[in-house]
Protein backbone atom coordinates (compact mmCIF):
# COMPACT_ATOMS: atom_id res chain seq x y z
CA MET A 1 70.89 149.30 191.57
CA SER A 2 68.02 146.91 192.19
CA ASP A 3 68.40 143.15 192.11
CA PRO A 4 65.48 142.17 189.81
CA GLY A 5 66.36 138.60 188.95
CA LEU A 6 68.11 137.24 192.02
CA LYS A 7 66.30 135.66 194.94
CA GLY A 8 67.90 133.81 197.81
CA GLU A 9 71.45 132.57 197.84
CA THR A 10 73.18 132.27 194.47
CA LYS A 11 74.48 128.80 193.62
CA PHE A 12 77.72 128.61 191.66
CA PHE A 13 78.62 125.73 189.36
CA PHE A 14 81.88 126.84 187.75
CA GLU A 15 85.22 128.08 189.04
CA PRO A 16 85.88 130.93 189.11
CA LYS A 17 82.33 131.97 189.95
CA THR A 18 82.60 134.93 187.56
CA ILE A 19 81.92 132.41 184.80
CA ASP A 20 78.51 131.74 186.39
CA ILE A 21 77.86 135.46 186.54
CA LEU A 22 78.73 135.87 182.85
CA LEU A 23 76.57 132.86 181.98
CA ALA A 24 73.63 134.39 183.87
CA MET A 25 74.10 137.63 181.94
CA MET A 26 74.25 135.79 178.62
CA MET A 27 71.12 133.78 179.39
CA THR A 28 69.23 136.92 180.38
CA LEU A 29 70.35 138.67 177.21
CA GLY A 30 69.49 135.66 175.05
CA SER A 31 66.02 135.49 176.57
CA GLU A 32 65.46 139.22 175.96
CA ILE A 33 66.70 138.97 172.36
CA SER A 34 64.46 136.00 171.61
CA ALA A 35 61.32 137.68 172.96
CA LEU A 36 62.10 140.96 171.20
CA SER A 37 62.90 139.26 167.90
CA GLU A 38 59.50 137.56 167.85
CA LYS A 39 57.68 140.79 168.69
CA LEU A 40 59.69 142.79 166.17
CA ASP A 41 59.05 140.28 163.40
CA THR A 42 55.30 140.50 164.06
CA VAL A 43 55.29 144.30 164.14
CA ILE A 44 57.31 144.58 160.92
CA ASP A 45 54.98 142.15 159.13
CA LEU A 46 51.93 144.12 160.28
CA LEU A 47 53.42 147.49 159.34
CA GLU A 48 54.69 146.40 155.95
CA ALA A 49 51.31 144.84 155.15
CA GLY A 50 49.86 148.32 155.66
CA GLY A 51 52.51 150.01 153.50
CA ALA A 52 54.54 151.56 156.33
CA ASP A 53 58.17 152.62 155.83
CA VAL A 54 59.75 150.82 158.79
CA GLU A 55 63.35 151.68 157.89
CA GLY A 56 62.57 155.39 157.44
CA PHE A 57 61.04 155.88 160.90
CA THR A 58 62.56 158.45 163.28
CA PRO A 59 61.42 158.34 166.92
CA SER A 60 60.04 161.45 168.60
CA PRO A 61 61.84 162.82 171.66
CA ALA A 62 59.28 161.13 173.94
CA GLN A 63 59.69 157.82 172.12
CA GLN A 64 63.48 158.11 172.35
CA ALA A 65 63.25 158.86 176.08
CA ARG A 66 61.10 155.74 176.55
CA ARG A 67 63.64 153.67 174.59
CA ASP A 68 66.52 155.09 176.65
CA ALA A 69 64.71 154.19 179.89
CA ALA A 70 64.05 150.65 178.65
CA ARG A 71 67.72 150.29 177.66
CA LYS A 72 68.77 151.41 181.15
CA VAL A 73 66.52 148.76 182.75
CA LEU A 74 67.95 146.07 180.46
CA ILE A 75 71.52 147.05 181.33
CA GLU A 76 70.69 147.01 185.05
CA THR A 77 69.12 143.57 184.65
CA LEU A 78 72.16 142.24 182.79
CA LEU A 79 74.57 143.66 185.35
CA ALA A 80 72.51 142.52 188.36
CA PRO A 81 74.63 139.36 188.95
CA PHE A 82 77.81 141.46 189.08
CA GLN A 83 76.14 144.05 191.30
CA HIS A 84 74.90 141.28 193.59
CA GLU A 85 78.43 139.91 193.90
CA ALA A 86 79.93 143.37 194.47
CA ASP A 87 77.35 144.05 197.20
CA ALA A 88 78.14 140.72 198.86
CA LEU A 89 81.87 141.49 198.81
CA ALA A 90 81.24 144.95 200.27
CA ARG A 91 79.16 143.43 203.11
CA GLN A 92 81.99 140.97 203.86
CA LYS A 93 84.46 143.85 204.24
CA GLU A 94 82.26 145.68 206.76
């Protein structure tokens, strides 16, 4: 798994440091939710102004595949702090 959001040495502020990792995940998720909520609100307003049935939409297989890929990237981003820590522990054991 890639390490998209972490650069350099991670600084920890809480004990145990897993709390920092969970906080990083929550902040990443909160940021994603905020950005997506704003975009979604705009899109819904635009579609409903044109008479679109937003709730009745069913994605095509290609659209669903794109959504699945985006979900995978989000999950990898959220889990990056844990993966980073697991990789560091594995390097220590070598």
